[in-house]
Amino acid sequence: MYGQRLKTARKKKNLSLVRVAIELNTTHATISRYENEKLEPNIEMLKQLCLLYGVSADWVIGITDE
């Protein structure tokens, strides 16, 4: 669930995997792994992703639907 929600949030912001990776000082492959749920972001990365995308961590991990 978190992977699809991260991907949805990224696309709503019209950001590429490469752009997100640059903003968060990581690789596009890492961002892709989060979106495909092959890797779980740690708390700090989750926080950074949420801030960049303008979404809550509760929404990303499925606690809320808003």
C-alpha atoms as a PDB file:
ATOM      1  CA  MET A   1       0.000   0.000   0.000  1.00  0.00           C
ATOM      2  CA  TYR A   2       2.689   2.530   0.925  1.00  0.00           C
ATOM      3  CA  GLY A   3       4.442   2.089  -2.416  1.00  0.00           C
ATOM      4  CA  GLN A   4       1.396   2.899  -4.506  1.00  0.00           C
ATOM      5  CA  ARG A   5       0.594   5.876  -2.316  1.00  0.00           C
ATOM      6  CA  LEU A   6       4.135   7.233  -2.621  1.00  0.00           C
ATOM      7  CA  LYS A   7       3.930   6.867  -6.391  1.00  0.00           C
ATOM      8  CA  THR A   8       0.521   8.562  -6.505  1.00  0.00           C
ATOM      9  CA  ALA A   9       1.756  11.472  -4.389  1.00  0.00           C
ATOM     10  CA  ARG A  10       4.879  11.884  -6.542  1.00  0.00           C
ATOM     11  CA  LYS A  11       2.870  11.932  -9.744  1.00  0.00           C
ATOM     12  CA  LYS A  12       0.380  14.460  -8.331  1.00  0.00           C
ATOM     13  CA  LYS A  13       3.358  16.768  -7.748  1.00  0.00           C
ATOM     14  CA  ASN A  14       4.578  16.070 -11.310  1.00  0.00           C
ATOM     15  CA  LEU A  15       7.958  14.904 -10.031  1.00  0.00           C
ATOM     16  CA  SER A  16      10.155  12.332 -11.731  1.00  0.00           C
ATOM     17  CA  LEU A  17      12.026   9.642  -9.837  1.00  0.00           C
ATOM     18  CA  VAL A  18      15.253  11.452 -10.706  1.00  0.00           C
ATOM     19  CA  ARG A  19      13.971  14.812  -9.404  1.00  0.00           C
ATOM     20  CA  VAL A  20      12.868  13.242  -6.105  1.00  0.00           C
ATOM     21  CA  ALA A  21      16.210  11.483  -5.766  1.00  0.00           C
ATOM     22  CA  ILE A  22      18.075  14.758  -6.299  1.00  0.00           C
ATOM     23  CA  GLU A  23      15.867  16.586  -3.786  1.00  0.00           C
ATOM     24  CA  LEU A  24      16.374  13.883  -1.154  1.00  0.00           C
ATOM     25  CA  ASN A  25      20.031  13.149  -1.890  1.00  0.00           C
ATOM     26  CA  THR A  26      19.514   9.531  -2.862  1.00  0.00           C
ATOM     27  CA  THR A  27      19.213   7.540  -6.086  1.00  0.00           C
ATOM     28  CA  HIS A  28      16.241   7.141  -8.395  1.00  0.00           C
ATOM     29  CA  ALA A  29      16.619   3.382  -7.935  1.00  0.00           C
ATOM     30  CA  THR A  30      16.022   3.784  -4.195  1.00  0.00           C
ATOM     31  CA  ILE A  31      12.869   5.825  -4.785  1.00  0.00           C
ATOM     32  CA  SER A  32      11.702   3.189  -7.272  1.00  0.00           C
ATOM     33  CA  ARG A  33      12.299   0.439  -4.706  1.00  0.00           C
ATOM     34  CA  TYR A  34      10.132   2.317  -2.198  1.00  0.00           C
ATOM     35  CA  GLU A  35       7.348   2.624  -4.765  1.00  0.00           C
ATOM     36  CA  ASN A  36       7.605  -1.068  -5.673  1.00  0.00           C
ATOM     37  CA  GLU A  37       7.766  -2.043  -1.983  1.00  0.00           C
ATOM     38  CA  LYS A  38      11.100  -3.772  -2.397  1.00  0.00           C
ATOM     39  CA  LEU A  39      12.532  -1.457   0.245  1.00  0.00           C
ATOM     40  CA  GLU A  40      10.898   0.336   3.173  1.00  0.00           C
ATOM     41  CA  PRO A  41      11.913   3.939   3.787  1.00  0.00           C
ATOM     42  CA  ASN A  42      13.287   4.612   7.242  1.00  0.00           C
ATOM     43  CA  ILE A  43      11.492   7.148   9.429  1.00  0.00           C
ATOM     44  CA  GLU A  44      13.657  10.081   8.335  1.00  0.00           C
ATOM     45  CA  MET A  45      13.216   9.285   4.642  1.00  0.00           C
ATOM     46  CA  LEU A  46       9.473   8.822   5.121  1.00  0.00           C
ATOM     47  CA  LYS A  47       9.349  12.240   6.771  1.00  0.00           C
ATOM     48  CA  GLN A  48      11.274  13.821   3.883  1.00  0.00           C
ATOM     49  CA  LEU A  49       9.058  12.158   1.282  1.00  0.00           C
ATOM     50  CA  CYS A  50       5.912  13.329   3.072  1.00  0.00           C
ATOM     51  CA  LEU A  51       7.190  16.890   3.287  1.00  0.00           C
ATOM     52  CA  LEU A  52       8.198  16.918  -0.374  1.00  0.00           C
ATOM     53  CA  TYR A  53       4.869  15.476  -1.520  1.00  0.00           C
ATOM     54  CA  GLY A  54       2.677  17.400   0.932  1.00  0.00           C
ATOM     55  CA  VAL A  55       1.057  14.289   2.384  1.00  0.00           C
ATOM     56  CA  SER A  56       0.862  12.764   5.849  1.00  0.00           C
ATOM     57  CA  ALA A  57       2.717   9.665   6.955  1.00  0.00           C
ATOM     58  CA  ASP A  58      -0.629   8.334   8.207  1.00  0.00           C
ATOM     59  CA  TRP A  59      -1.948   8.470   4.649  1.00  0.00           C
ATOM     60  CA  VAL A  60       1.183   6.872   3.171  1.00  0.00           C
ATOM     61  CA  ILE A  61       1.058   3.887   5.513  1.00  0.00           C
ATOM     62  CA  GLY A  62      -2.711   3.475   5.234  1.00  0.00           C
ATOM     63  CA  ILE A  63      -3.981   4.708   8.596  1.00  0.00           C
ATOM     64  CA  THR A  64      -6.136   7.341   6.897  1.00  0.00           C
ATOM     65  CA  ASP A  65      -7.539   7.700   3.420  1.00  0.00           C
ATOM     66  CA  GLU A  66      -7.085  11.485   3.309  1.00  0.00           C
END
